[in-house]
Amino acid sequence: MAQTAEPIVRVKNLSKTIGGKKIIDDVNLDLYPGQVTGFLGPNGAGKTTTIRMMAGLMKPTAGDVTIAGKSITSDFEDAMTNIGVIVENPEMYKYMSGYKNLLHFARMHKGVTKERIMEVVRQVGLENRINEKVGTYSLGMRQRLGLAQALLHNPKFLILDEPTNGLDPAGIREFRVYLRSLAEKAGVSVLVSSHMLSEIELMVDRVAVIQNGRLIDIREMKEETRPHHYVEAQPADRLVPLLKSKGYTPVPTGAGFIIEEKAERIPALVKSIVEGDLDLYAVRPYRRTLEDEFIEMTGGGQIAQTAAK
């Protein structure tokens, strides 16, 4: 996906050393307006540490993050005015109404009017329940209220760390649709960190993958992937040598195998399987998922051997 706008966020040579160990190692990443970026990595890869530095909650050992041109190291307060953050399930005062919670948070920012509060309430679809106590809200409603709180001051950059934890499928879908709409209509740059790869795949424009504290890949979700096919034939112990003799590297899945091949060459492969006196059960196009890509990029997604979280 070609970028025409200037990035809202620039992560430049970001590093963090803790107890003599380099937890984050020279991370560089640009984030653009109107774009949702998934931030992925195995447990211990450094996602949370990176997010904490980007959100101003932890000081980098080296490098910098600029948000709308403001540095978090040399111009901290101005940089922070452009960030909204949600970490898992937002904490709210349950004995207060949704409106009073937002009014409380609005006082922490300059220039957030009551009109702006109600504008955000309408944006997240809570206008019918905003005067009720938060203790009566479902988890999905509390998540929307947390999003409203993060948006009060019109941030240009939104960080969401595991934002769909605890939501049911309907709540997850609702949150995903709203997030996409927010990014596109308001031109906000969104960074989402989550372990739910199937959801990330539906939510984001691209993914950035971190492992062992280093950014190992940035991949556009709309790029055409290499064509793959699923092949199932018996006996399998004869199918594998046949596929290998044709130059394929079969990857087992279920009762069959995944191979990389274009559709126009599949009839010849089918002919070879039949002539080899194998029983052919299935040949069909196979779309690689984000989970497949993630496993490939991280070599199995093993837990990184660092102290990072």
Protein backbone atom coordinates (compact mmCIF):
# COMPACT_ATOMS: atom_id res chain seq x y z
CA MET A 1 0.00 0.00 0.00
CA ALA A 2 1.64 3.21 -1.12
CA GLN A 3 1.72 5.99 1.46
CA THR A 4 0.97 9.53 0.32
CA ALA A 5 0.48 11.22 3.71
CA GLU A 6 3.17 12.10 6.21
CA PRO A 7 3.33 9.67 9.13
CA ILE A 8 1.68 10.81 12.36
CA VAL A 9 4.03 8.67 14.44
CA ARG A 10 7.70 8.04 13.83
CA VAL A 11 9.54 5.49 15.94
CA LYS A 12 13.23 6.06 15.33
CA ASN A 13 16.03 3.74 16.53
CA LEU A 14 14.08 2.98 19.70
CA SER A 15 16.00 0.87 22.23
CA LYS A 16 15.61 -0.12 25.87
CA THR A 17 18.16 -1.76 28.12
CA ILE A 18 17.13 -3.12 31.52
CA GLY A 19 19.62 -4.70 33.93
CA GLY A 20 22.30 -4.83 31.26
CA LYS A 21 19.99 -6.67 28.81
CA LYS A 22 18.86 -4.99 25.58
CA ILE A 23 15.11 -5.59 25.67
CA ILE A 24 14.22 -3.43 22.64
CA ASP A 25 16.82 -3.18 19.90
CA ASP A 26 16.76 -0.35 17.36
CA VAL A 27 13.07 -0.40 16.40
CA ASN A 28 11.96 1.83 13.50
CA LEU A 29 8.31 2.20 12.51
CA ASP A 30 6.13 4.83 10.79
CA LEU A 31 2.38 5.00 11.47
CA TYR A 32 0.04 6.84 9.12
CA PRO A 33 -3.29 8.72 9.43
CA GLY A 34 -6.39 6.65 8.72
CA GLN A 35 -4.46 3.41 9.07
CA VAL A 36 -4.86 0.60 11.61
CA THR A 37 -1.61 -1.25 12.32
CA GLY A 38 -1.48 -4.55 14.20
CA PHE A 39 1.50 -4.96 16.54
CA LEU A 40 2.27 -8.66 16.94
CA GLY A 41 4.89 -10.82 18.57
CA PRO A 42 5.36 -13.96 20.67
CA ASN A 43 5.11 -13.68 24.44
CA GLY A 44 8.19 -11.89 25.72
CA ALA A 45 9.00 -10.33 22.34
CA GLY A 46 8.89 -6.73 23.60
CA LYS A 47 5.41 -5.52 22.57
CA THR A 48 4.42 -4.12 25.96
CA THR A 49 7.80 -2.47 26.56
CA THR A 50 7.62 -0.78 23.14
CA ILE A 51 4.04 0.36 23.75
CA ARG A 52 4.98 1.77 27.16
CA MET A 53 7.74 3.84 25.59
CA MET A 54 5.45 5.05 22.80
CA ALA A 55 2.81 6.03 25.37
CA GLY A 56 5.32 7.93 27.50
CA LEU A 57 5.08 5.45 30.39
CA MET A 58 8.70 4.32 30.11
CA LYS A 59 11.79 6.26 29.10
CA PRO A 60 13.80 4.92 26.13
CA THR A 61 17.47 4.10 26.63
CA ALA A 62 18.12 5.35 23.09
CA GLY A 63 16.15 6.60 20.11
CA ASP A 64 12.95 8.61 20.05
CA VAL A 65 9.25 8.63 19.19
CA THR A 66 7.70 11.68 17.55
CA ILE A 67 3.92 12.14 17.50
CA ALA A 68 2.61 14.83 15.15
CA GLY A 69 6.16 16.16 15.04
CA LYS A 70 6.55 16.36 18.83
CA SER A 71 9.25 14.29 20.54
CA ILE A 72 8.37 12.23 23.61
CA THR A 73 11.88 12.85 24.96
CA SER A 74 12.32 16.59 24.36
CA ASP A 75 8.71 17.82 24.08
CA PHE A 76 6.88 15.33 26.28
CA GLU A 77 3.73 17.28 27.23
CA ASP A 78 2.94 18.39 23.68
CA ALA A 79 3.58 14.87 22.35
CA MET A 80 1.23 13.36 24.94
CA THR A 81 -1.65 15.65 23.93
CA ASN A 82 -1.81 13.70 20.66
CA ILE A 83 -2.10 10.21 22.23
CA GLY A 84 -5.12 8.22 23.43
CA VAL A 85 -4.51 4.87 25.16
CA ILE A 86 -6.65 1.87 26.08
CA VAL A 87 -4.94 -1.02 27.89
CA GLU A 88 -7.17 -4.12 28.07
CA ASN A 89 -10.39 -3.35 30.02
CA PRO A 90 -10.48 0.36 30.93
CA GLU A 91 -10.96 1.13 34.63
CA MET A 92 -13.96 3.35 35.33
CA TYR A 93 -15.78 4.51 38.47
CA LYS A 94 -18.69 2.06 38.54
CA TYR A 95 -20.75 4.08 41.05
CA MET A 96 -20.73 7.10 38.69
CA SER A 97 -22.60 7.51 35.42
CA GLY A 98 -20.79 7.20 32.13
CA TYR A 99 -21.17 10.93 31.62
CA LYS A 100 -19.65 11.81 35.01
CA ASN A 101 -16.74 9.47 34.31
CA LEU A 102 -16.05 11.30 31.05
CA LEU A 103 -16.44 14.67 32.78
CA HIS A 104 -13.84 13.59 35.33
CA PHE A 105 -11.37 12.54 32.61
CA ALA A 106 -12.10 15.68 30.58
CA ARG A 107 -10.72 17.82 33.41
CA MET A 108 -7.31 16.24 32.81
CA HIS A 109 -7.11 17.87 29.37
CA LYS A 110 -7.31 21.48 28.30
CA GLY A 111 -10.25 22.66 26.25
CA VAL A 112 -12.49 19.58 26.41
CA THR A 113 -15.98 21.08 26.47
CA LYS A 114 -19.28 19.44 27.41
CA GLU A 115 -20.17 19.66 23.73
CA ARG A 116 -17.05 17.64 22.90
CA ILE A 117 -17.97 15.04 25.52
CA MET A 118 -21.39 14.53 23.96
CA GLU A 119 -19.88 14.45 20.46
CA VAL A 120 -17.64 11.55 21.52
CA VAL A 121 -20.55 9.84 23.30
CA ARG A 122 -22.49 9.90 20.02
CA GLN A 123 -19.42 8.66 18.14
CA VAL A 124 -19.25 5.51 20.27
CA GLY A 125 -23.03 5.02 20.32
CA LEU A 126 -23.64 5.45 24.07
CA GLU A 127 -26.05 8.39 24.03
CA ASN A 128 -28.98 6.28 25.31
CA ARG A 129 -27.08 4.93 28.34
CA ILE A 130 -24.53 7.65 29.14
CA ASN A 131 -26.41 8.91 32.23
CA GLU A 132 -26.66 5.44 33.79
CA LYS A 133 -24.14 4.09 36.30
CA VAL A 134 -21.16 2.31 34.74
CA GLY A 135 -21.84 -0.62 37.08
CA THR A 136 -24.90 -1.43 34.95
CA TYR A 137 -22.89 -1.49 31.70
CA SER A 138 -21.96 -4.64 29.81
CA LEU A 139 -18.27 -5.24 29.13
CA GLY A 140 -18.78 -4.07 25.54
CA MET A 141 -20.35 -0.82 26.74
CA ARG A 142 -17.50 -0.23 29.20
CA GLN A 143 -15.07 -0.81 26.34
CA ARG A 144 -16.87 1.83 24.27
CA LEU A 145 -16.83 4.22 27.22
CA GLY A 146 -13.07 3.63 27.53
CA LEU A 147 -12.70 4.43 23.86
CA ALA A 148 -14.72 7.63 24.36
CA GLN A 149 -12.41 8.58 27.24
CA ALA A 150 -9.34 8.00 25.04
CA LEU A 151 -10.84 10.16 22.28
CA LEU A 152 -11.97 13.13 24.41
CA HIS A 153 -9.00 15.35 23.54
CA ASN A 154 -9.03 14.55 19.79
CA PRO A 155 -5.80 12.52 19.71
CA LYS A 156 -4.10 11.88 16.40
CA PHE A 157 -2.71 8.55 17.63
CA LEU A 158 -4.59 5.79 19.43
CA ILE A 159 -2.85 2.86 21.17
CA LEU A 160 -4.99 -0.19 21.98
CA ASP A 161 -3.41 -3.02 23.98
CA GLU A 162 -5.59 -6.18 23.93
CA PRO A 163 -8.76 -4.08 23.43
CA THR A 164 -11.14 -7.00 22.83
CA ASN A 165 -10.23 -9.06 25.92
CA GLY A 166 -13.39 -10.42 27.48
CA LEU A 167 -15.74 -9.30 24.70
CA ASP A 168 -18.19 -11.77 23.19
CA PRO A 169 -18.17 -12.31 19.38
CA ALA A 170 -20.87 -9.67 18.81
CA GLY A 171 -18.97 -7.16 20.97
CA ILE A 172 -15.71 -7.88 19.15
CA ARG A 173 -17.35 -7.35 15.76
CA GLU A 174 -18.98 -4.12 16.92
CA PHE A 175 -15.68 -2.83 18.27
CA ARG A 176 -13.87 -3.76 15.06
CA VAL A 177 -16.39 -1.99 12.82
CA TYR A 178 -16.27 1.14 14.96
CA LEU A 179 -12.47 1.19 15.04
CA ARG A 180 -12.22 0.96 11.26
CA SER A 181 -14.76 3.75 10.88
CA LEU A 182 -12.90 5.93 13.38
CA ALA A 183 -9.57 5.53 11.59
CA GLU A 184 -11.03 6.26 8.16
CA LYS A 185 -13.36 9.15 9.05
CA ALA A 186 -11.27 10.95 11.67
CA GLY A 187 -7.85 10.23 10.11
CA VAL A 188 -6.58 8.76 13.39
CA SER A 189 -3.57 6.43 13.33
CA VAL A 190 -4.32 3.32 15.39
CA LEU A 191 -1.86 0.77 16.81
CA VAL A 192 -3.49 -2.45 18.06
CA SER A 193 -1.65 -5.12 20.01
CA SER A 194 -3.48 -8.42 20.43
CA HIS A 195 -2.98 -12.18 20.57
CA MET A 196 -6.24 -12.74 18.67
CA LEU A 197 -4.75 -13.10 15.19
CA SER A 198 -8.07 -13.91 13.50
CA GLU A 199 -9.47 -10.60 14.77
CA ILE A 200 -6.35 -8.61 13.91
CA GLU A 201 -6.59 -9.98 10.37
CA LEU A 202 -10.06 -8.46 9.97
CA MET A 203 -9.24 -5.20 11.74
CA VAL A 204 -5.92 -3.91 10.41
CA ASP A 205 -4.37 -2.54 7.22
CA ARG A 206 -0.95 -3.96 7.99
CA VAL A 207 0.99 -5.76 10.71
CA ALA A 208 4.35 -5.05 12.35
CA VAL A 209 5.97 -8.10 13.96
CA ILE A 210 8.47 -7.91 16.80
CA GLN A 211 10.59 -10.79 18.06
CA ASN A 212 13.42 -10.79 20.59
CA GLY A 213 13.10 -7.01 20.79
CA ARG A 214 13.66 -6.43 17.08
CA LEU A 215 11.11 -5.52 14.41
CA ILE A 216 11.40 -8.45 12.00
CA ASP A 217 8.68 -7.66 9.46
CA ILE A 218 6.12 -5.07 8.37
CA ARG A 219 3.50 -6.56 6.06
CA GLU A 220 0.53 -5.03 4.24
CA MET A 221 -2.62 -7.09 4.76
CA LYS A 222 -3.96 -6.26 1.30
CA GLU A 223 -0.90 -7.50 -0.54
CA GLU A 224 -1.51 -10.48 -2.79
CA THR A 225 -0.02 -13.54 -1.12
CA ARG A 226 1.66 -16.37 -3.01
CA PRO A 227 -0.91 -18.90 -4.33
CA HIS A 228 -1.27 -22.04 -2.22
CA HIS A 229 -3.32 -25.22 -2.55
CA TYR A 230 -4.46 -27.95 -0.19
CA VAL A 231 -3.85 -31.50 -1.43
CA GLU A 232 -5.19 -34.66 0.21
CA ALA A 233 -4.53 -38.16 -1.15
CA GLN A 234 -3.92 -41.61 0.29
CA PRO A 235 -1.68 -43.23 1.19
CA ALA A 236 -0.07 -40.08 2.57
CA ASP A 237 3.34 -41.71 2.90
CA ARG A 238 3.43 -42.03 -0.89
CA LEU A 239 1.97 -38.57 -1.52
CA VAL A 240 4.79 -36.77 0.27
CA PRO A 241 7.62 -38.23 -1.88
CA LEU A 242 5.57 -37.54 -5.00
CA LEU A 243 5.09 -33.88 -4.03
CA LYS A 244 8.76 -33.53 -3.16
CA SER A 245 9.75 -35.06 -6.51
CA LYS A 246 7.79 -32.25 -8.18
CA GLY A 247 9.77 -29.63 -6.27
CA TYR A 248 7.18 -28.85 -3.59
CA THR A 249 7.74 -28.48 0.12
CA PRO A 250 4.53 -29.98 1.53
CA VAL A 251 3.36 -28.58 4.86
CA PRO A 252 1.08 -30.97 6.77
CA THR A 253 -2.33 -29.70 7.89
CA GLY A 254 -5.17 -31.97 8.98
CA ALA A 255 -5.30 -35.02 6.71
CA GLY A 256 -3.53 -33.29 3.81
CA PHE A 257 -0.74 -30.92 2.85
CA ILE A 258 -0.32 -27.30 1.78
CA ILE A 259 1.82 -26.57 -1.25
CA GLU A 260 2.75 -23.35 -3.02
CA GLU A 261 1.49 -23.51 -6.59
CA LYS A 262 -0.44 -21.54 -9.23
CA ALA A 263 -3.89 -22.73 -10.28
CA GLU A 264 -2.88 -23.36 -13.90
CA ARG A 265 -0.36 -26.03 -12.84
CA ILE A 266 -2.74 -27.97 -10.60
CA PRO A 267 -4.28 -30.18 -13.39
CA ALA A 268 -0.83 -31.59 -14.19
CA LEU A 269 -0.26 -32.34 -10.50
CA VAL A 270 -3.65 -34.07 -10.25
CA LYS A 271 -2.75 -36.19 -13.28
CA SER A 272 0.54 -37.22 -11.63
CA ILE A 273 -1.26 -38.19 -8.41
CA VAL A 274 -3.83 -40.32 -10.28
CA GLU A 275 -1.18 -41.94 -12.49
CA GLY A 276 0.77 -42.71 -9.33
CA ASP A 277 -2.17 -44.90 -8.27
CA LEU A 278 -3.04 -42.75 -5.25
CA ASP A 279 -6.60 -42.10 -4.10
CA LEU A 280 -7.21 -38.36 -4.50
CA TYR A 281 -9.64 -36.89 -1.95
CA ALA A 282 -9.23 -33.13 -2.30
CA VAL A 283 -7.40 -30.37 -4.16
CA ARG A 284 -8.52 -26.81 -3.47
CA PRO A 285 -7.11 -23.29 -3.23
CA TYR A 286 -5.80 -22.49 0.23
CA ARG A 287 -5.73 -18.95 1.56
CA ARG A 288 -2.96 -18.46 4.06
CA THR A 289 -4.19 -16.79 7.24
CA LEU A 290 -2.42 -14.22 9.36
CA GLU A 291 -1.72 -17.07 11.78
CA ASP A 292 0.12 -18.94 9.00
CA GLU A 293 2.09 -15.80 8.14
CA PHE A 294 2.87 -15.13 11.81
CA ILE A 295 4.17 -18.67 12.39
CA GLU A 296 6.30 -18.36 9.27
CA MET A 297 7.71 -14.97 10.30
CA THR A 298 8.51 -15.98 13.88
CA GLY A 299 9.65 -19.52 13.17
CA GLY A 300 6.84 -21.02 15.22
CA GLY A 301 6.12 -18.10 17.52
CA GLN A 302 8.32 -19.42 20.27
CA ILE A 303 8.65 -17.45 23.48
CA ALA A 304 11.56 -15.04 23.18
CA GLN A 305 14.42 -15.60 25.60
CA THR A 306 14.44 -12.12 27.09
CA ALA A 307 12.97 -10.35 30.07
CA ALA A 308 10.68 -8.32 27.84
CA LYS A 309 6.93 -8.56 28.17
